[in-house]
Amino acid sequence: MTKIVSSLREAILRLGSVILSFERIYGVKLSYSTGFVNFSRLRATENLLELEKLAVVLKKTVYEKYNIPIITIKTENMDYIIDGHHRAYVKYLLNYKGISAYRIEFSDYMSRASYDIRGLRTIETGEELPEEYTPWKAVVKLIEYYRKLYGGEVKLKKVRVSIDFLVPTQKYVEKNKLEKEYDVRHEKIAPIVCLEYEGKYYILDGHIRSLKAKLQGEKEIDVLVLIPKVPVTPGVVRTCIISGLRSLNDVEVIEA
């Protein structure tokens, strides 16, 4: 499975290794500080991130309080990410202002590569992940799809909403899938992903989980909401209006 930094101890060991490498390469003595770096001064040093690793980090950040500092090189005007691109990008997607970092002081450093974190892209490596991470890959793909569709930033936030505010974007769900045994209170295993528009939450992924929650008497549920930077009327809203879909009451259960 994809390897991620799992503890502060591991992060500190990486920090020591990075400092030692830079001291040998540049012939200087370096020190570091711990602090918070705003995304406005953070620069990536690679522009392609593994989709599979991003899915793992996203799930752990949203539901497991995963919060390991990244490692940067601090200059006068910028902090360049040396380790922790996936962690930084996930925090950016979740609309954080910045991220905690171990900042190596190196004022004369000039990075060979420098990228705006807003423009990072993903690449699918084909690595197999446990099934629990498959929906999180879909979340990242949805973000990228809507980013291309709307031509701007798309962020993500977790909110708890009333079941009555969920609007389906498909008319039918299969009975055999609805009867599958799992507890909807553990929706973190496979998040419900929505677009918000005028106080309603239009389901992009998670119709079965949403309907099962309603049938089991749940009043509220956690959802992940995509937030386009540019205000738009999503096409799914128009489709729902035309199709007469206004709430989960309009979903029909059919035989497979």
C-alpha atoms as a PDB file:
ATOM      1  CA  MET A   1       0.000   0.000   0.000  1.00  0.00           C
ATOM      2  CA  THR A   2       1.024   3.625  -0.578  1.00  0.00           C
ATOM      3  CA  LYS A   3       3.543   4.783   2.018  1.00  0.00           C
ATOM      4  CA  ILE A   4       2.829   8.011   3.892  1.00  0.00           C
ATOM      5  CA  VAL A   5       4.520   9.680   6.850  1.00  0.00           C
ATOM      6  CA  SER A   6       2.715   8.132   9.795  1.00  0.00           C
ATOM      7  CA  SER A   7       4.146   9.920  12.838  1.00  0.00           C
ATOM      8  CA  LEU A   8       5.935  13.031  14.058  1.00  0.00           C
ATOM      9  CA  ARG A   9       8.955  10.876  14.823  1.00  0.00           C
ATOM     10  CA  GLU A  10       9.156   9.776  11.199  1.00  0.00           C
ATOM     11  CA  ALA A  11       8.778  13.390  10.055  1.00  0.00           C
ATOM     12  CA  ILE A  12      11.635  14.481  12.342  1.00  0.00           C
ATOM     13  CA  LEU A  13      13.854  11.718  10.970  1.00  0.00           C
ATOM     14  CA  ARG A  14      13.096  12.902   7.442  1.00  0.00           C
ATOM     15  CA  LEU A  15      13.866  16.467   8.474  1.00  0.00           C
ATOM     16  CA  GLY A  16      17.281  15.442   9.776  1.00  0.00           C
ATOM     17  CA  SER A  17      18.015  13.575   6.564  1.00  0.00           C
ATOM     18  CA  VAL A  18      16.986  16.558   4.411  1.00  0.00           C
ATOM     19  CA  ILE A  19      19.122  18.989   6.423  1.00  0.00           C
ATOM     20  CA  LEU A  20      22.142  16.693   6.214  1.00  0.00           C
ATOM     21  CA  SER A  21      21.740  16.294   2.442  1.00  0.00           C
ATOM     22  CA  PHE A  22      21.449  20.035   1.834  1.00  0.00           C
ATOM     23  CA  GLU A  23      24.439  20.781   4.061  1.00  0.00           C
ATOM     24  CA  ARG A  24      26.564  18.329   2.060  1.00  0.00           C
ATOM     25  CA  ILE A  25      25.356  19.588  -1.315  1.00  0.00           C
ATOM     26  CA  TYR A  26      25.684  23.313  -0.619  1.00  0.00           C
ATOM     27  CA  GLY A  27      28.481  23.308   1.952  1.00  0.00           C
ATOM     28  CA  VAL A  28      26.528  25.324   4.497  1.00  0.00           C
ATOM     29  CA  LYS A  29      25.317  24.848   8.055  1.00  0.00           C
ATOM     30  CA  LEU A  30      21.525  24.932   8.317  1.00  0.00           C
ATOM     31  CA  SER A  31      19.034  25.316  11.136  1.00  0.00           C
ATOM     32  CA  TYR A  32      15.261  25.023  11.195  1.00  0.00           C
ATOM     33  CA  SER A  33      12.223  26.425  12.941  1.00  0.00           C
ATOM     34  CA  THR A  34       8.686  25.155  13.391  1.00  0.00           C
ATOM     35  CA  GLY A  35       5.832  27.346  12.245  1.00  0.00           C
ATOM     36  CA  PHE A  36       2.707  27.932  10.192  1.00  0.00           C
ATOM     37  CA  VAL A  37       3.100  28.702   6.480  1.00  0.00           C
ATOM     38  CA  ASN A  38       0.335  30.507   4.596  1.00  0.00           C
ATOM     39  CA  PHE A  39      -0.439  29.079   1.186  1.00  0.00           C
ATOM     40  CA  SER A  40       0.209  32.523  -0.291  1.00  0.00           C
ATOM     41  CA  ARG A  41       3.959  32.019   0.191  1.00  0.00           C
ATOM     42  CA  LEU A  42       4.123  28.250  -0.308  1.00  0.00           C
ATOM     43  CA  ARG A  43       5.581  26.861  -3.535  1.00  0.00           C
ATOM     44  CA  ALA A  44       5.570  23.268  -4.732  1.00  0.00           C
ATOM     45  CA  THR A  45       8.711  21.729  -6.209  1.00  0.00           C
ATOM     46  CA  GLU A  46       6.825  19.061  -8.137  1.00  0.00           C
ATOM     47  CA  ASN A  47       3.618  19.443 -10.119  1.00  0.00           C
ATOM     48  CA  LEU A  48       2.339  15.874 -10.455  1.00  0.00           C
ATOM     49  CA  LEU A  49       0.973  14.060  -7.411  1.00  0.00           C
ATOM     50  CA  GLU A  50       0.123  10.355  -7.224  1.00  0.00           C
ATOM     51  CA  LEU A  51      -3.661  10.016  -7.147  1.00  0.00           C
ATOM     52  CA  GLU A  52      -3.558   6.934  -4.947  1.00  0.00           C
ATOM     53  CA  LYS A  53      -1.431   8.604  -2.280  1.00  0.00           C
ATOM     54  CA  LEU A  54      -3.610  11.705  -2.399  1.00  0.00           C
ATOM     55  CA  ALA A  55      -6.703   9.565  -1.763  1.00  0.00           C
ATOM     56  CA  VAL A  56      -5.102   8.028   1.333  1.00  0.00           C
ATOM     57  CA  VAL A  57      -3.995  11.392   2.726  1.00  0.00           C
ATOM     58  CA  LEU A  58      -7.401  12.962   2.032  1.00  0.00           C
ATOM     59  CA  LYS A  59      -9.309  10.243   3.902  1.00  0.00           C
ATOM     60  CA  LYS A  60      -6.933  10.328   6.854  1.00  0.00           C
ATOM     61  CA  THR A  61      -7.040  14.122   7.048  1.00  0.00           C
ATOM     62  CA  VAL A  62     -10.827  14.359   6.894  1.00  0.00           C
ATOM     63  CA  TYR A  63     -11.711  11.520   9.247  1.00  0.00           C
ATOM     64  CA  GLU A  64      -8.606  10.518  11.204  1.00  0.00           C
ATOM     65  CA  LYS A  65      -7.192  13.935  12.191  1.00  0.00           C
ATOM     66  CA  TYR A  66      -4.023  13.245  10.231  1.00  0.00           C
ATOM     67  CA  ASN A  67      -1.828  16.302  10.724  1.00  0.00           C
ATOM     68  CA  ILE A  68       1.890  15.826  10.087  1.00  0.00           C
ATOM     69  CA  PRO A  69       3.965  18.968   9.356  1.00  0.00           C
ATOM     70  CA  ILE A  70       5.560  19.291   5.952  1.00  0.00           C
ATOM     71  CA  ILE A  71       9.223  20.191   5.383  1.00  0.00           C
ATOM     72  CA  THR A  72      10.116  23.391   3.543  1.00  0.00           C
ATOM     73  CA  ILE A  73      13.127  25.478   2.621  1.00  0.00           C
ATOM     74  CA  LYS A  74      12.462  28.997   3.896  1.00  0.00           C
ATOM     75  CA  THR A  75      13.802  31.953   1.918  1.00  0.00           C
ATOM     76  CA  GLU A  76      12.978  35.628   2.292  1.00  0.00           C
ATOM     77  CA  ASN A  77       9.857  35.500   0.135  1.00  0.00           C
ATOM     78  CA  MET A  78       8.905  31.846  -0.263  1.00  0.00           C
ATOM     79  CA  ASP A  79       8.710  28.461   1.413  1.00  0.00           C
ATOM     80  CA  TYR A  80       9.564  25.635  -0.993  1.00  0.00           C
ATOM     81  CA  ILE A  81       8.060  22.234  -0.219  1.00  0.00           C
ATOM     82  CA  ILE A  82      10.747  19.575   0.093  1.00  0.00           C
ATOM     83  CA  ASP A  83       8.607  16.872   1.700  1.00  0.00           C
ATOM     84  CA  GLY A  84       4.828  16.726   2.086  1.00  0.00           C
ATOM     85  CA  HIS A  85       3.285  17.810  -1.216  1.00  0.00           C
ATOM     86  CA  HIS A  86       0.253  15.566  -0.763  1.00  0.00           C
ATOM     87  CA  ARG A  87      -0.364  16.774   2.783  1.00  0.00           C
ATOM     88  CA  ALA A  88      -0.096  20.395   1.690  1.00  0.00           C
ATOM     89  CA  TYR A  89      -2.380  19.939  -1.318  1.00  0.00           C
ATOM     90  CA  VAL A  90      -5.057  18.207   0.763  1.00  0.00           C
ATOM     91  CA  LYS A  91      -5.028  21.057   3.304  1.00  0.00           C
ATOM     92  CA  TYR A  92      -5.316  23.503   0.403  1.00  0.00           C
ATOM     93  CA  LEU A  93      -8.295  21.595  -1.047  1.00  0.00           C
ATOM     94  CA  LEU A  94      -9.965  21.625   2.368  1.00  0.00           C
ATOM     95  CA  ASN A  95      -9.727  25.420   2.367  1.00  0.00           C
ATOM     96  CA  TYR A  96      -7.157  25.779   5.134  1.00  0.00           C
ATOM     97  CA  LYS A  97      -5.228  29.055   5.162  1.00  0.00           C
ATOM     98  CA  GLY A  98      -1.931  27.233   5.407  1.00  0.00           C
ATOM     99  CA  ILE A  99      -0.115  24.320   7.010  1.00  0.00           C
ATOM    100  CA  SER A 100       2.314  23.549   9.833  1.00  0.00           C
ATOM    101  CA  ALA A 101       5.884  23.051   8.675  1.00  0.00           C
ATOM    102  CA  TYR A 102       9.455  22.375   9.674  1.00  0.00           C
ATOM    103  CA  ARG A 103      11.122  25.326   7.956  1.00  0.00           C
ATOM    104  CA  ILE A 104      14.797  24.965   7.075  1.00  0.00           C
ATOM    105  CA  GLU A 105      16.402  28.416   7.035  1.00  0.00           C
ATOM    106  CA  PHE A 106      18.296  28.880   3.755  1.00  0.00           C
ATOM    107  CA  SER A 107      17.985  32.438   2.430  1.00  0.00           C
ATOM    108  CA  ASP A 108      20.171  31.848  -0.662  1.00  0.00           C
ATOM    109  CA  TYR A 109      18.297  28.768  -1.841  1.00  0.00           C
ATOM    110  CA  MET A 110      17.022  28.808  -5.424  1.00  0.00           C
ATOM    111  CA  SER A 111      14.704  25.977  -6.391  1.00  0.00           C
ATOM    112  CA  ARG A 112      15.116  24.427  -9.832  1.00  0.00           C
ATOM    113  CA  ALA A 113      11.350  23.917  -9.977  1.00  0.00           C
ATOM    114  CA  SER A 114       8.614  26.110  -8.538  1.00  0.00           C
ATOM    115  CA  TYR A 115       4.868  25.616  -8.962  1.00  0.00           C
ATOM    116  CA  ASP A 116       1.732  27.306  -7.686  1.00  0.00           C
ATOM    117  CA  ILE A 117      -0.056  24.851  -5.409  1.00  0.00           C
ATOM    118  CA  ARG A 118      -3.373  25.821  -7.036  1.00  0.00           C
ATOM    119  CA  GLY A 119      -2.277  24.273 -10.313  1.00  0.00           C
ATOM    120  CA  LEU A 120      -1.042  20.877  -9.146  1.00  0.00           C
ATOM    121  CA  ARG A 121      -2.317  17.873 -11.070  1.00  0.00           C
ATOM    122  CA  THR A 122      -2.621  14.186 -10.304  1.00  0.00           C
ATOM    123  CA  ILE A 123      -1.376  11.099 -12.062  1.00  0.00           C
ATOM    124  CA  GLU A 124      -2.824   7.626 -11.617  1.00  0.00           C
ATOM    125  CA  THR A 125      -0.053   5.099 -10.999  1.00  0.00           C
ATOM    126  CA  GLY A 126      -2.236   2.008 -11.153  1.00  0.00           C
ATOM    127  CA  GLU A 127      -1.278   0.959  -7.641  1.00  0.00           C
ATOM    128  CA  GLU A 128      -3.965  -1.142  -5.995  1.00  0.00           C
ATOM    129  CA  LEU A 129      -5.402   0.271  -2.780  1.00  0.00           C
ATOM    130  CA  PRO A 130      -7.731  -1.281  -0.201  1.00  0.00           C
ATOM    131  CA  GLU A 131     -11.357  -0.866  -1.278  1.00  0.00           C
ATOM    132  CA  GLU A 132     -12.017   1.769   1.394  1.00  0.00           C
ATOM    133  CA  TYR A 133      -9.884   4.278  -0.525  1.00  0.00           C
ATOM    134  CA  THR A 134     -11.565   3.842  -3.920  1.00  0.00           C
ATOM    135  CA  PRO A 135     -14.308   6.436  -3.189  1.00  0.00           C
ATOM    136  CA  TRP A 136     -11.646   8.923  -2.123  1.00  0.00           C
ATOM    137  CA  LYS A 137      -9.955   8.608  -5.495  1.00  0.00           C
ATOM    138  CA  ALA A 138     -13.353   9.450  -6.979  1.00  0.00           C
ATOM    139  CA  VAL A 139     -13.533  12.583  -4.810  1.00  0.00           C
ATOM    140  CA  VAL A 140     -10.220  13.841  -6.196  1.00  0.00           C
ATOM    141  CA  LYS A 141     -11.328  13.084  -9.754  1.00  0.00           C
ATOM    142  CA  LEU A 142     -14.571  15.005  -9.190  1.00  0.00           C
ATOM    143  CA  ILE A 143     -12.598  18.003  -7.954  1.00  0.00           C
ATOM    144  CA  GLU A 144     -10.420  17.930 -11.060  1.00  0.00           C
ATOM    145  CA  TYR A 145     -13.448  17.465 -13.334  1.00  0.00           C
ATOM    146  CA  TYR A 146     -15.272  20.476 -11.927  1.00  0.00           C
ATOM    147  CA  ARG A 147     -12.090  22.516 -11.887  1.00  0.00           C
ATOM    148  CA  LYS A 148     -11.788  21.977 -15.640  1.00  0.00           C
ATOM    149  CA  LEU A 149     -15.523  22.497 -16.167  1.00  0.00           C
ATOM    150  CA  TYR A 150     -15.692  25.826 -14.337  1.00  0.00           C
ATOM    151  CA  GLY A 151     -12.213  27.027 -15.194  1.00  0.00           C
ATOM    152  CA  GLY A 152     -11.219  27.873 -11.639  1.00  0.00           C
ATOM    153  CA  GLU A 153     -10.464  26.635  -8.166  1.00  0.00           C
ATOM    154  CA  VAL A 154     -12.673  24.032  -6.522  1.00  0.00           C
ATOM    155  CA  LYS A 155     -12.321  23.502  -2.776  1.00  0.00           C
ATOM    156  CA  LEU A 156     -13.766  20.895  -0.449  1.00  0.00           C
ATOM    157  CA  LYS A 157     -15.402  21.031   2.974  1.00  0.00           C
ATOM    158  CA  LYS A 158     -17.034  18.546   5.319  1.00  0.00           C
ATOM    159  CA  VAL A 159     -20.396  19.596   6.719  1.00  0.00           C
ATOM    160  CA  ARG A 160     -23.219  17.920   8.594  1.00  0.00           C
ATOM    161  CA  VAL A 161     -26.549  18.475   6.882  1.00  0.00           C
ATOM    162  CA  SER A 162     -30.176  17.521   7.270  1.00  0.00           C
ATOM    163  CA  ILE A 163     -31.189  14.504   5.196  1.00  0.00           C
ATOM    164  CA  ASP A 164     -34.091  16.621   3.920  1.00  0.00           C
ATOM    165  CA  PHE A 165     -31.648  19.021   2.238  1.00  0.00           C
ATOM    166  CA  LEU A 166     -30.120  16.294   0.051  1.00  0.00           C
ATOM    167  CA  VAL A 167     -31.246  16.258  -3.576  1.00  0.00           C
ATOM    168  CA  PRO A 168     -30.592  13.170  -5.735  1.00  0.00           C
ATOM    169  CA  THR A 169     -29.219  13.589  -9.226  1.00  0.00           C
ATOM    170  CA  GLN A 170     -30.369  10.149 -10.358  1.00  0.00           C
ATOM    171  CA  LYS A 171     -33.882   8.724 -10.299  1.00  0.00           C
ATOM    172  CA  TYR A 172     -33.198   5.060  -9.552  1.00  0.00           C
ATOM    173  CA  VAL A 173     -31.127   2.912  -7.192  1.00  0.00           C
ATOM    174  CA  GLU A 174     -30.845  -0.866  -7.326  1.00  0.00           C
ATOM    175  CA  LYS A 175     -32.524  -2.845  -4.558  1.00  0.00           C
ATOM    176  CA  ASN A 176     -29.685  -5.339  -4.113  1.00  0.00           C
ATOM    177  CA  LYS A 177     -27.197  -2.523  -3.526  1.00  0.00           C
ATOM    178  CA  LEU A 178     -29.533  -0.788  -1.105  1.00  0.00           C
ATOM    179  CA  GLU A 179     -29.836  -3.999   0.916  1.00  0.00           C
ATOM    180  CA  LYS A 180     -26.080  -4.433   1.192  1.00  0.00           C
ATOM    181  CA  GLU A 181     -25.075  -4.715   4.840  1.00  0.00           C
ATOM    182  CA  TYR A 182     -23.203  -1.699   6.146  1.00  0.00           C
ATOM    183  CA  ASP A 183     -23.829   0.954   8.751  1.00  0.00           C
ATOM    184  CA  VAL A 184     -24.511   4.379   7.270  1.00  0.00           C
ATOM    185  CA  ARG A 185     -23.180   5.962  10.444  1.00  0.00           C
ATOM    186  CA  HIS A 186     -19.779   4.904   9.141  1.00  0.00           C
ATOM    187  CA  GLU A 187     -20.178   6.898   5.937  1.00  0.00           C
ATOM    188  CA  LYS A 188     -16.559   7.986   6.317  1.00  0.00           C
ATOM    189  CA  ILE A 189     -15.675   4.684   4.635  1.00  0.00           C
ATOM    190  CA  ALA A 190     -17.279   6.023   1.460  1.00  0.00           C
ATOM    191  CA  PRO A 191     -18.144   9.728   1.668  1.00  0.00           C
ATOM    192  CA  ILE A 192     -21.238  11.335   0.208  1.00  0.00           C
ATOM    193  CA  VAL A 193     -20.091  14.035  -2.206  1.00  0.00           C
ATOM    194  CA  CYS A 194     -22.317  16.992  -3.079  1.00  0.00           C
ATOM    195  CA  LEU A 195     -22.521  20.341  -4.802  1.00  0.00           C
ATOM    196  CA  GLU A 196     -24.283  23.014  -2.779  1.00  0.00           C
ATOM    197  CA  TYR A 197     -26.741  25.388  -4.438  1.00  0.00           C
ATOM    198  CA  GLU A 198     -29.199  27.713  -2.695  1.00  0.00           C
ATOM    199  CA  GLY A 199     -29.220  25.723   0.534  1.00  0.00           C
ATOM    200  CA  LYS A 200     -29.644  22.330  -1.121  1.00  0.00           C
ATOM    201  CA  TYR A 201     -26.985  19.636  -1.502  1.00  0.00           C
ATOM    202  CA  TYR A 202     -26.998  17.893  -4.874  1.00  0.00           C
ATOM    203  CA  ILE A 203     -25.566  14.388  -4.607  1.00  0.00           C
ATOM    204  CA  LEU A 204     -22.747  13.608  -7.027  1.00  0.00           C
ATOM    205  CA  ASP A 205     -21.678  10.353  -5.386  1.00  0.00           C
ATOM    206  CA  GLY A 206     -23.386   8.415  -2.597  1.00  0.00           C
ATOM    207  CA  HIS A 207     -27.052   8.008  -3.547  1.00  0.00           C
ATOM    208  CA  ILE A 208     -27.391   4.573  -1.958  1.00  0.00           C
ATOM    209  CA  ARG A 209     -25.699   5.652   1.259  1.00  0.00           C
ATOM    210  CA  SER A 210     -27.908   8.737   1.430  1.00  0.00           C
ATOM    211  CA  LEU A 211     -31.134   6.823   0.822  1.00  0.00           C
ATOM    212  CA  LYS A 212     -30.218   4.093   3.291  1.00  0.00           C
ATOM    213  CA  ALA A 213     -29.519   6.728   5.929  1.00  0.00           C
ATOM    214  CA  LYS A 214     -32.979   8.165   5.359  1.00  0.00           C
ATOM    215  CA  LEU A 215     -34.646   4.746   5.490  1.00  0.00           C
ATOM    216  CA  GLN A 216     -32.839   3.956   8.750  1.00  0.00           C
ATOM    217  CA  GLY A 217     -34.241   7.102  10.305  1.00  0.00           C
ATOM    218  CA  GLU A 218     -31.111   9.245  10.303  1.00  0.00           C
ATOM    219  CA  LYS A 219     -31.927  12.960  10.468  1.00  0.00           C
ATOM    220  CA  GLU A 220     -28.465  14.305   9.637  1.00  0.00           C
ATOM    221  CA  ILE A 221     -25.400  13.010   7.844  1.00  0.00           C
ATOM    222  CA  ASP A 222     -21.861  14.140   7.022  1.00  0.00           C
ATOM    223  CA  VAL A 223     -21.202  15.112   3.414  1.00  0.00           C
ATOM    224  CA  LEU A 224     -18.244  16.460   1.484  1.00  0.00           C
ATOM    225  CA  VAL A 225     -19.180  19.568  -0.469  1.00  0.00           C
ATOM    226  CA  LEU A 226     -17.374  20.791  -3.581  1.00  0.00           C
ATOM    227  CA  ILE A 227     -17.058  24.576  -3.609  1.00  0.00           C
ATOM    228  CA  PRO A 228     -16.285  26.268  -6.955  1.00  0.00           C
ATOM    229  CA  LYS A 229     -14.528  29.605  -6.491  1.00  0.00           C
ATOM    230  CA  VAL A 230     -16.632  31.161  -9.243  1.00  0.00           C
ATOM    231  CA  PRO A 231     -20.401  31.203  -8.431  1.00  0.00           C
ATOM    232  CA  VAL A 232     -22.232  29.062 -10.980  1.00  0.00           C
ATOM    233  CA  THR A 233     -25.522  27.275 -11.477  1.00  0.00           C
ATOM    234  CA  PRO A 234     -24.402  23.628 -11.719  1.00  0.00           C
ATOM    235  CA  GLY A 235     -25.765  21.691 -14.666  1.00  0.00           C
ATOM    236  CA  VAL A 236     -26.995  18.993 -12.287  1.00  0.00           C
ATOM    237  CA  VAL A 237     -29.377  21.540 -10.748  1.00  0.00           C
ATOM    238  CA  ARG A 238     -31.047  22.185 -14.094  1.00  0.00           C
ATOM    239  CA  THR A 239     -31.191  18.443 -14.764  1.00  0.00           C
ATOM    240  CA  CYS A 240     -32.863  17.793 -11.405  1.00  0.00           C
ATOM    241  CA  ILE A 241     -35.459  20.487 -12.034  1.00  0.00           C
ATOM    242  CA  ILE A 242     -36.293  19.009 -15.440  1.00  0.00           C
ATOM    243  CA  SER A 243     -36.414  15.468 -14.006  1.00  0.00           C
ATOM    244  CA  GLY A 244     -38.588  16.452 -11.049  1.00  0.00           C
ATOM    245  CA  LEU A 245     -35.977  15.447  -8.471  1.00  0.00           C
ATOM    246  CA  ARG A 246     -36.333  17.570  -5.346  1.00  0.00           C
ATOM    247  CA  SER A 247     -35.551  15.233  -2.440  1.00  0.00           C
ATOM    248  CA  LEU A 248     -34.673  11.621  -1.638  1.00  0.00           C
ATOM    249  CA  ASN A 249     -38.420  10.925  -1.604  1.00  0.00           C
ATOM    250  CA  ASP A 250     -38.281  11.102  -5.403  1.00  0.00           C
ATOM    251  CA  VAL A 251     -35.817   8.189  -5.720  1.00  0.00           C
ATOM    252  CA  GLU A 252     -37.258   4.879  -6.914  1.00  0.00           C
ATOM    253  CA  VAL A 253     -35.840   1.503  -5.868  1.00  0.00           C
ATOM    254  CA  ILE A 254     -35.698  -0.986  -8.744  1.00  0.00           C
ATOM    255  CA  GLU A 255     -34.687  -4.623  -9.189  1.00  0.00           C
ATOM    256  CA  ALA A 256     -31.202  -5.092 -10.613  1.00  0.00           C
END
